[in-house]
PDB file of N, CA and C in Angstrom:
ATOM      1  N   MET A   1       7.639  -0.534 -15.009  1.00  0.00           N
ATOM      2  CA  MET A   1       7.763  -1.074 -13.669  1.00  0.00           C
ATOM      3  C   MET A   1       6.949  -0.155 -12.670  1.00  0.00           C
ATOM      4  N   ALA A   2       7.076   0.897 -12.799  1.00  0.00           N
ATOM      5  CA  ALA A   2       6.260   1.902 -11.768  1.00  0.00           C
ATOM      6  C   ALA A   2       4.794   1.490 -12.027  1.00  0.00           C
ATOM      7  N   ALA A   3       4.159   1.387 -13.230  1.00  0.00           N
ATOM      8  CA  ALA A   3       2.791   0.962 -13.576  1.00  0.00           C
ATOM      9  C   ALA A   3       2.461  -0.320 -12.911  1.00  0.00           C
ATOM     10  N   GLU A   4       3.433  -1.246 -13.221  1.00  0.00           N
ATOM     11  CA  GLU A   4       3.174  -2.589 -12.666  1.00  0.00           C
ATOM     12  C   GLU A   4       3.123  -2.698 -10.986  1.00  0.00           C
ATOM     13  N   MET A   5       3.851  -1.797 -10.521  1.00  0.00           N
ATOM     14  CA  MET A   5       3.852  -1.741  -8.940  1.00  0.00           C
ATOM     15  C   MET A   5       2.708  -1.025  -8.441  1.00  0.00           C
ATOM     16  N   ARG A   6       2.108   0.010  -9.380  1.00  0.00           N
ATOM     17  CA  ARG A   6       0.876   0.777  -9.127  1.00  0.00           C
ATOM     18  C   ARG A   6      -0.328  -0.210  -9.159  1.00  0.00           C
ATOM     19  N   ARG A   7      -0.283  -0.991 -10.298  1.00  0.00           N
ATOM     20  CA  ARG A   7      -1.363  -1.882 -10.478  1.00  0.00           C
ATOM     21  C   ARG A   7      -1.544  -2.951  -9.479  1.00  0.00           C
ATOM     22  N   ARG A   8      -0.297  -3.435  -9.032  1.00  0.00           N
ATOM     23  CA  ARG A   8      -0.169  -4.515  -7.750  1.00  0.00           C
ATOM     24  C   ARG A   8      -0.743  -3.808  -6.534  1.00  0.00           C
ATOM     25  N   GLY A   9      -0.126  -2.521  -6.288  1.00  0.00           N
ATOM     26  CA  GLY A   9      -0.724  -1.822  -4.981  1.00  0.00           C
ATOM     27  C   GLY A   9      -2.128  -1.784  -5.163  1.00  0.00           C
ATOM     28  N   ASP A  10      -2.768  -1.534  -6.146  1.00  0.00           N
ATOM     29  CA  ASP A  10      -4.356  -1.416  -6.266  1.00  0.00           C
ATOM     30  C   ASP A  10      -5.022  -2.587  -6.048  1.00  0.00           C
ATOM     31  N   GLU A  11      -4.537  -3.771  -6.291  1.00  0.00           N
ATOM     32  CA  GLU A  11      -5.081  -5.006  -6.380  1.00  0.00           C
ATOM     33  C   GLU A  11      -4.787  -5.622  -4.774  1.00  0.00           C
ATOM     34  N   LEU A  12      -3.779  -5.214  -4.199  1.00  0.00           N
ATOM     35  CA  LEU A  12      -3.741  -5.433  -2.867  1.00  0.00           C
ATOM     36  C   LEU A  12      -4.710  -4.635  -1.752  1.00  0.00           C
ATOM     37  N   ASP A  13      -4.700  -3.446  -2.371  1.00  0.00           N
ATOM     38  CA  ASP A  13      -5.569  -2.505  -1.862  1.00  0.00           C
ATOM     39  C   ASP A  13      -7.147  -3.079  -1.629  1.00  0.00           C
ATOM     40  N   VAL A  14      -7.516  -3.628  -2.862  1.00  0.00           N
ATOM     41  CA  VAL A  14      -8.725  -4.198  -2.888  1.00  0.00           C
ATOM     42  C   VAL A  14      -8.974  -5.515  -2.397  1.00  0.00           C
ATOM     43  N   GLU A  15      -7.886  -6.429  -2.453  1.00  0.00           N
ATOM     44  CA  GLU A  15      -8.024  -7.715  -1.876  1.00  0.00           C
ATOM     45  C   GLU A  15      -7.851  -7.721  -0.543  1.00  0.00           C
ATOM     46  N   LEU A  16      -7.041  -6.807   0.075  1.00  0.00           N
ATOM     47  CA  LEU A  16      -6.785  -6.780   1.549  1.00  0.00           C
ATOM     48  C   LEU A  16      -7.551  -5.774   2.440  1.00  0.00           C
ATOM     49  N   ALA A  17      -8.473  -5.084   1.728  1.00  0.00           N
ATOM     50  CA  ALA A  17      -9.191  -4.206   2.293  1.00  0.00           C
ATOM     51  C   ALA A  17      -9.849  -4.616   3.651  1.00  0.00           C
ATOM     52  N   PRO A  18     -10.430  -5.683   3.887  1.00  0.00           N
ATOM     53  CA  PRO A  18     -10.801  -6.236   5.213  1.00  0.00           C
ATOM     54  C   PRO A  18      -9.720  -6.153   6.353  1.00  0.00           C
ATOM     55  N   SER A  19      -8.653  -6.693   5.906  1.00  0.00           N
ATOM     56  CA  SER A  19      -7.436  -6.754   6.758  1.00  0.00           C
ATOM     57  C   SER A  19      -6.375  -5.905   6.853  1.00  0.00           C
ATOM     58  N   LYS A  20      -6.667  -4.561   6.094  1.00  0.00           N
ATOM     59  CA  LYS A  20      -5.712  -3.714   5.919  1.00  0.00           C
ATOM     60  C   LYS A  20      -5.291  -3.038   7.008  1.00  0.00           C
ATOM     61  N   ARG A  21      -6.003  -3.037   8.266  1.00  0.00           N
ATOM     62  CA  ARG A  21      -5.808  -2.615   9.510  1.00  0.00           C
ATOM     63  C   ARG A  21      -4.700  -3.375  10.072  1.00  0.00           C
ATOM     64  N   LEU A  22      -4.810  -4.552   9.888  1.00  0.00           N
ATOM     65  CA  LEU A  22      -3.576  -5.614  10.347  1.00  0.00           C
ATOM     66  C   LEU A  22      -2.141  -5.222   9.759  1.00  0.00           C
ATOM     67  N   ILE A  23      -2.288  -5.131   8.494  1.00  0.00           N
ATOM     68  CA  ILE A  23      -0.978  -5.009   7.641  1.00  0.00           C
ATOM     69  C   ILE A  23      -0.504  -3.477   7.465  1.00  0.00           C
ATOM     70  N   ASN A  24      -1.421  -2.777   8.224  1.00  0.00           N
ATOM     71  CA  ASN A  24      -1.180  -1.218   8.040  1.00  0.00           C
ATOM     72  C   ASN A  24       0.360  -0.951   8.386  1.00  0.00           C
ATOM     73  N   CYS A  25       0.621  -1.677   9.502  1.00  0.00           N
ATOM     74  CA  CYS A  25       1.880  -1.459  10.096  1.00  0.00           C
ATOM     75  C   CYS A  25       3.176  -2.377   9.624  1.00  0.00           C
ATOM     76  N   SER A  26       2.834  -3.382   8.652  1.00  0.00           N
ATOM     77  CA  SER A  26       3.931  -4.022   8.214  1.00  0.00           C
ATOM     78  C   SER A  26       4.073  -4.113   6.672  1.00  0.00           C
ATOM     79  N   LEU A  27       2.947  -4.446   5.975  1.00  0.00           N
ATOM     80  CA  LEU A  27       3.317  -4.635   4.551  1.00  0.00           C
ATOM     81  C   LEU A  27       2.643  -3.521   3.778  1.00  0.00           C
ATOM     82  N   THR A  28       1.653  -2.831   4.157  1.00  0.00           N
ATOM     83  CA  THR A  28       1.322  -1.678   3.714  1.00  0.00           C
ATOM     84  C   THR A  28       2.410  -0.529   3.240  1.00  0.00           C
ATOM     85  N   PRO A  29       3.221  -0.197   4.068  1.00  0.00           N
ATOM     86  CA  PRO A  29       4.028   0.840   3.668  1.00  0.00           C
ATOM     87  C   PRO A  29       5.010   0.509   2.629  1.00  0.00           C
ATOM     88  N   TYR A  30       5.229  -0.892   2.553  1.00  0.00           N
ATOM     89  CA  TYR A  30       6.189  -1.138   1.322  1.00  0.00           C
ATOM     90  C   TYR A  30       5.443  -1.339   0.153  1.00  0.00           C
ATOM     91  N   PHE A  31       4.352  -1.778   0.163  1.00  0.00           N
ATOM     92  CA  PHE A  31       3.491  -2.010  -1.208  1.00  0.00           C
ATOM     93  C   PHE A  31       2.748  -0.731  -1.547  1.00  0.00           C
ATOM     94  N   LEU A  32       2.061  -0.110  -0.792  1.00  0.00           N
ATOM     95  CA  LEU A  32       1.237   0.933  -1.193  1.00  0.00           C
ATOM     96  C   LEU A  32       2.054   2.169  -1.314  1.00  0.00           C
ATOM     97  N   ASN A  33       2.904   2.640  -0.227  1.00  0.00           N
ATOM     98  CA  ASN A  33       3.659   3.673  -0.313  1.00  0.00           C
ATOM     99  C   ASN A  33       4.553   3.848  -1.592  1.00  0.00           C
ATOM    100  N   ASN A  34       5.120   2.711  -2.084  1.00  0.00           N
ATOM    101  CA  ASN A  34       6.020   2.660  -3.162  1.00  0.00           C
ATOM    102  C   ASN A  34       5.069   2.738  -4.355  1.00  0.00           C
ATOM    103  N   SER A  35       3.849   2.405  -4.330  1.00  0.00           N
ATOM    104  CA  SER A  35       2.896   2.357  -5.749  1.00  0.00           C
ATOM    105  C   SER A  35       2.173   3.646  -5.973  1.00  0.00           C
ATOM    106  N   HIS A  36       1.130   3.725  -5.442  1.00  0.00           N
ATOM    107  CA  HIS A  36       0.110   4.951  -5.556  1.00  0.00           C
ATOM    108  C   HIS A  36       0.206   5.857  -4.446  1.00  0.00           C
ATOM    109  N   TYR A  37       0.945   5.645  -3.424  1.00  0.00           N
ATOM    110  CA  TYR A  37       1.060   6.759  -2.424  1.00  0.00           C
ATOM    111  C   TYR A  37       2.600   7.268  -2.612  1.00  0.00           C
ATOM    112  N   ILE A  38       2.765   8.549  -2.280  1.00  0.00           N
ATOM    113  CA  ILE A  38       4.222   9.131  -2.210  1.00  0.00           C
ATOM    114  C   ILE A  38       4.887   8.377  -1.195  1.00  0.00           C
ATOM    115  N   ARG A  39       6.082   8.171  -1.569  1.00  0.00           N
ATOM    116  CA  ARG A  39       6.979   7.230  -0.407  1.00  0.00           C
ATOM    117  C   ARG A  39       7.224   8.213   0.725  1.00  0.00           C
ATOM    118  N   THR A  40       6.474   7.953   1.593  1.00  0.00           N
ATOM    119  CA  THR A  40       6.822   8.608   3.036  1.00  0.00           C
ATOM    120  C   THR A  40       6.719   7.694   4.140  1.00  0.00           C
ATOM    121  N   SER A  41       7.947   7.436   4.670  1.00  0.00           N
ATOM    122  CA  SER A  41       8.140   6.436   5.791  1.00  0.00           C
ATOM    123  C   SER A  41       7.699   6.678   6.997  1.00  0.00           C
ATOM    124  N   SER A  42       7.361   8.091   7.214  1.00  0.00           N
ATOM    125  CA  SER A  42       7.228   8.545   8.482  1.00  0.00           C
ATOM    126  C   SER A  42       5.414   8.531   8.582  1.00  0.00           C
ATOM    127  N   ASP A  43       4.691   8.475   7.560  1.00  0.00           N
ATOM    128  CA  ASP A  43       3.381   8.885   7.335  1.00  0.00           C
ATOM    129  C   ASP A  43       2.800   7.498   6.764  1.00  0.00           C
ATOM    130  N   THR A  44       2.426   6.538   7.361  1.00  0.00           N
ATOM    131  CA  THR A  44       1.823   5.218   6.830  1.00  0.00           C
ATOM    132  C   THR A  44       0.418   5.053   7.058  1.00  0.00           C
ATOM    133  N   THR A  45      -0.264   6.263   7.335  1.00  0.00           N
ATOM    134  CA  THR A  45      -1.755   6.092   7.474  1.00  0.00           C
ATOM    135  C   THR A  45      -2.557   6.056   6.311  1.00  0.00           C
ATOM    136  N   ILE A  46      -3.306   5.032   5.852  1.00  0.00           N
ATOM    137  CA  ILE A  46      -3.930   5.107   4.699  1.00  0.00           C
ATOM    138  C   ILE A  46      -5.520   4.961   5.051  1.00  0.00           C
ATOM    139  N   SER A  47      -6.195   5.786   4.586  1.00  0.00           N
ATOM    140  CA  SER A  47      -7.548   5.916   4.832  1.00  0.00           C
ATOM    141  C   SER A  47      -8.413   6.512   3.698  1.00  0.00           C
TER     142      SER A  47
END
C-alpha cells in the first residue's frame, strides 16, 4: 500500500507540476507528504 501511495504521489508530482503552486496549500500535503515525503504537517513546502 505504501508503494502504491508512493507511485501515485510520483504521478501527481509529474502530472500536476505546472499547477503544483496552486495545490501546494490544499492537496499536496495529503498526497505527497504521505507518499514520498516524510509526513510533516507543518512543513508543506515542496521544491
